[in-house]
Amino acid sequence: DDNADNLVFRIRIVADDQDKGDTEEQVDRMEDDAFLRALEQNMLSDLTLQGIEQITKVYMHKPTTDDKKRIVITPEGGFKAIPEWLLETDGTALLQVLSQPNVDPIRTTSNDICEIFE
């Protein structure tokens, strides 16, 4: 479950009989704690668990200024600025974001000029 309080990622290390050689000898010589630390460092730097690789962090907030609020037409025919949750990111990948099933392409923007040009 992605919404659990504590997410658990279990890893099983399986030795393949075909891959015997230098790497297995290096693993055998390496202490268990050093091997686990090296594995952890490798996985944290190279593995993408979920999401879009170029987007490193997402900030979720409700805007307080009218320029970022959504403008809607009231039943009386007037305009009203209503705040709605926004997602702002570190990193850009506009094409990949737009290809996600629950993303509204009309209201999705990017401030990366080169990416918009592509």
C-alpha atoms as a PDB file:
ATOM      1  CA  ASP A   1       0.000   0.000   0.000  1.00  0.00           C
ATOM      2  CA  ASP A   2       1.520   3.356  -1.033  1.00  0.00           C
ATOM      3  CA  ASN A   3      -0.352   5.179   1.737  1.00  0.00           C
ATOM      4  CA  ALA A   4       0.944   3.118   4.659  1.00  0.00           C
ATOM      5  CA  ASP A   5       2.647   4.944   7.518  1.00  0.00           C
ATOM      6  CA  ASN A   6       5.783   2.821   7.204  1.00  0.00           C
ATOM      7  CA  LEU A   7       6.743   1.649   3.744  1.00  0.00           C
ATOM      8  CA  VAL A   8       8.843  -1.515   3.646  1.00  0.00           C
ATOM      9  CA  PHE A   9      11.097  -2.480   0.762  1.00  0.00           C
ATOM     10  CA  ARG A  10      12.337  -6.062   1.017  1.00  0.00           C
ATOM     11  CA  ILE A  11      15.346  -7.199  -0.982  1.00  0.00           C
ATOM     12  CA  ARG A  12      16.494 -10.763  -1.435  1.00  0.00           C
ATOM     13  CA  ILE A  13      20.012 -11.365  -2.668  1.00  0.00           C
ATOM     14  CA  VAL A  14      20.132 -14.471  -4.819  1.00  0.00           C
ATOM     15  CA  ALA A  15      23.400 -15.917  -6.086  1.00  0.00           C
ATOM     16  CA  ASP A  16      23.126 -17.138  -9.660  1.00  0.00           C
ATOM     17  CA  ASP A  17      25.234 -20.207 -10.463  1.00  0.00           C
ATOM     18  CA  GLN A  18      26.108 -18.837 -13.919  1.00  0.00           C
ATOM     19  CA  ASP A  19      27.525 -15.592 -12.557  1.00  0.00           C
ATOM     20  CA  LYS A  20      30.266 -17.170 -10.451  1.00  0.00           C
ATOM     21  CA  GLY A  21      33.497 -15.330 -10.877  1.00  0.00           C
ATOM     22  CA  ASP A  22      35.182 -12.140  -9.774  1.00  0.00           C
ATOM     23  CA  THR A  23      32.036 -10.455  -8.454  1.00  0.00           C
ATOM     24  CA  GLU A  24      31.130 -13.362  -6.185  1.00  0.00           C
ATOM     25  CA  GLU A  25      34.668 -13.530  -4.852  1.00  0.00           C
ATOM     26  CA  GLN A  26      34.544  -9.802  -4.126  1.00  0.00           C
ATOM     27  CA  VAL A  27      31.221 -10.191  -2.307  1.00  0.00           C
ATOM     28  CA  ASP A  28      32.580 -13.111  -0.272  1.00  0.00           C
ATOM     29  CA  ARG A  29      35.594 -11.044   0.764  1.00  0.00           C
ATOM     30  CA  MET A  30      33.471  -8.036   1.681  1.00  0.00           C
ATOM     31  CA  GLU A  31      32.054  -7.876   5.201  1.00  0.00           C
ATOM     32  CA  ASP A  32      28.274  -8.176   5.498  1.00  0.00           C
ATOM     33  CA  ASP A  33      27.747  -4.649   6.803  1.00  0.00           C
ATOM     34  CA  ALA A  34      30.028  -3.142   4.153  1.00  0.00           C
ATOM     35  CA  PHE A  35      28.214  -5.096   1.448  1.00  0.00           C
ATOM     36  CA  LEU A  36      24.807  -3.896   2.681  1.00  0.00           C
ATOM     37  CA  ARG A  37      26.012  -0.283   2.857  1.00  0.00           C
ATOM     38  CA  ALA A  38      27.394  -0.490  -0.682  1.00  0.00           C
ATOM     39  CA  LEU A  39      24.139  -2.043  -1.899  1.00  0.00           C
ATOM     40  CA  GLU A  40      22.096   0.653  -0.139  1.00  0.00           C
ATOM     41  CA  GLN A  41      24.211   3.446  -1.627  1.00  0.00           C
ATOM     42  CA  ASN A  42      23.932   1.933  -5.097  1.00  0.00           C
ATOM     43  CA  MET A  43      20.161   1.529  -4.852  1.00  0.00           C
ATOM     44  CA  LEU A  44      19.547   4.999  -3.423  1.00  0.00           C
ATOM     45  CA  SER A  45      21.512   6.672  -6.203  1.00  0.00           C
ATOM     46  CA  ASP A  46      20.477   4.540  -9.206  1.00  0.00           C
ATOM     47  CA  LEU A  47      16.999   3.158  -8.532  1.00  0.00           C
ATOM     48  CA  THR A  48      13.750   4.961  -9.351  1.00  0.00           C
ATOM     49  CA  LEU A  49      10.948   3.443  -7.297  1.00  0.00           C
ATOM     50  CA  GLN A  50       8.016   5.375  -8.647  1.00  0.00           C
ATOM     51  CA  GLY A  51       7.292   8.527 -10.572  1.00  0.00           C
ATOM     52  CA  ILE A  52       9.244  10.478 -13.155  1.00  0.00           C
ATOM     53  CA  GLU A  53      13.018  10.335 -12.906  1.00  0.00           C
ATOM     54  CA  GLN A  54      13.721  13.984 -13.815  1.00  0.00           C
ATOM     55  CA  ILE A  55      11.357  15.292 -11.116  1.00  0.00           C
ATOM     56  CA  THR A  56      13.174  15.058  -7.815  1.00  0.00           C
ATOM     57  CA  LYS A  57      10.697  16.683  -5.423  1.00  0.00           C
ATOM     58  CA  VAL A  58       7.059  17.817  -5.442  1.00  0.00           C
ATOM     59  CA  TYR A  59       5.589  20.619  -3.328  1.00  0.00           C
ATOM     60  CA  MET A  60       1.829  20.692  -2.730  1.00  0.00           C
ATOM     61  CA  HIS A  61       0.165  23.939  -1.626  1.00  0.00           C
ATOM     62  CA  LYS A  62      -2.917  26.123  -1.943  1.00  0.00           C
ATOM     63  CA  PRO A  63      -2.118  29.538  -3.448  1.00  0.00           C
ATOM     64  CA  THR A  64      -2.846  32.679  -1.461  1.00  0.00           C
ATOM     65  CA  THR A  65      -2.375  35.225  -4.263  1.00  0.00           C
ATOM     66  CA  ASP A  66      -5.028  35.686  -6.946  1.00  0.00           C
ATOM     67  CA  ASP A  67      -2.597  35.191  -9.849  1.00  0.00           C
ATOM     68  CA  LYS A  68      -2.303  31.460  -9.083  1.00  0.00           C
ATOM     69  CA  LYS A  69      -5.931  30.869  -8.138  1.00  0.00           C
ATOM     70  CA  ARG A  70      -8.337  29.304 -10.602  1.00  0.00           C
ATOM     71  CA  ILE A  71     -10.877  31.685 -12.138  1.00  0.00           C
ATOM     72  CA  VAL A  72     -14.404  30.273 -12.402  1.00  0.00           C
ATOM     73  CA  ILE A  73     -17.678  31.727 -13.627  1.00  0.00           C
ATOM     74  CA  THR A  74     -20.297  32.010 -10.891  1.00  0.00           C
ATOM     75  CA  PRO A  75     -23.980  31.144 -11.513  1.00  0.00           C
ATOM     76  CA  GLU A  76     -24.711  34.888 -11.575  1.00  0.00           C
ATOM     77  CA  GLY A  77     -22.282  35.335 -14.486  1.00  0.00           C
ATOM     78  CA  GLY A  78     -19.427  36.920 -12.537  1.00  0.00           C
ATOM     79  CA  PHE A  79     -15.862  35.776 -12.067  1.00  0.00           C
ATOM     80  CA  LYS A  80     -14.461  34.382  -8.850  1.00  0.00           C
ATOM     81  CA  ALA A  81     -10.911  33.312  -7.943  1.00  0.00           C
ATOM     82  CA  ILE A  82     -10.935  30.085  -5.960  1.00  0.00           C
ATOM     83  CA  PRO A  83      -7.860  28.447  -4.455  1.00  0.00           C
ATOM     84  CA  GLU A  84      -7.167  24.850  -5.421  1.00  0.00           C
ATOM     85  CA  TRP A  85      -4.248  22.581  -4.638  1.00  0.00           C
ATOM     86  CA  LEU A  86      -1.189  23.071  -6.876  1.00  0.00           C
ATOM     87  CA  LEU A  87       1.784  20.784  -7.417  1.00  0.00           C
ATOM     88  CA  GLU A  88       5.104  22.523  -8.030  1.00  0.00           C
ATOM     89  CA  THR A  89       8.188  20.464  -8.774  1.00  0.00           C
ATOM     90  CA  ASP A  90      11.961  20.500  -8.664  1.00  0.00           C
ATOM     91  CA  GLY A  91      12.922  19.373 -12.134  1.00  0.00           C
ATOM     92  CA  THR A  92      10.945  19.295 -15.357  1.00  0.00           C
ATOM     93  CA  ALA A  93       9.642  16.571 -17.629  1.00  0.00           C
ATOM     94  CA  LEU A  94       6.609  18.140 -19.273  1.00  0.00           C
ATOM     95  CA  LEU A  95       6.107  15.494 -21.952  1.00  0.00           C
ATOM     96  CA  GLN A  96       6.225  12.646 -19.428  1.00  0.00           C
ATOM     97  CA  VAL A  97       3.914  14.509 -17.036  1.00  0.00           C
ATOM     98  CA  LEU A  98       1.378  15.149 -19.796  1.00  0.00           C
ATOM     99  CA  SER A  99       1.371  11.448 -20.679  1.00  0.00           C
ATOM    100  CA  GLN A 100       0.178  10.480 -17.181  1.00  0.00           C
ATOM    101  CA  PRO A 101      -3.488   9.386 -17.096  1.00  0.00           C
ATOM    102  CA  ASN A 102      -4.765  11.752 -14.355  1.00  0.00           C
ATOM    103  CA  VAL A 103      -2.969  14.928 -15.448  1.00  0.00           C
ATOM    104  CA  ASP A 104      -5.025  17.766 -16.928  1.00  0.00           C
ATOM    105  CA  PRO A 105      -3.052  18.951 -19.991  1.00  0.00           C
ATOM    106  CA  ILE A 106      -4.963  22.253 -20.164  1.00  0.00           C
ATOM    107  CA  ARG A 107      -3.842  23.428 -16.718  1.00  0.00           C
ATOM    108  CA  THR A 108      -0.332  21.907 -16.735  1.00  0.00           C
ATOM    109  CA  THR A 109       2.483  24.392 -17.373  1.00  0.00           C
ATOM    110  CA  SER A 110       6.275  24.518 -17.317  1.00  0.00           C
ATOM    111  CA  ASN A 111       8.708  27.391 -16.937  1.00  0.00           C
ATOM    112  CA  ASP A 112      11.414  25.602 -18.955  1.00  0.00           C
ATOM    113  CA  ILE A 113      11.455  27.428 -22.306  1.00  0.00           C
ATOM    114  CA  CYS A 114      13.489  24.763 -24.126  1.00  0.00           C
ATOM    115  CA  GLU A 115      11.122  22.029 -23.000  1.00  0.00           C
ATOM    116  CA  ILE A 116       8.075  23.959 -24.205  1.00  0.00           C
ATOM    117  CA  PHE A 117       9.775  24.592 -27.559  1.00  0.00           C
ATOM    118  CA  GLU A 118      10.302  20.834 -28.054  1.00  0.00           C
END
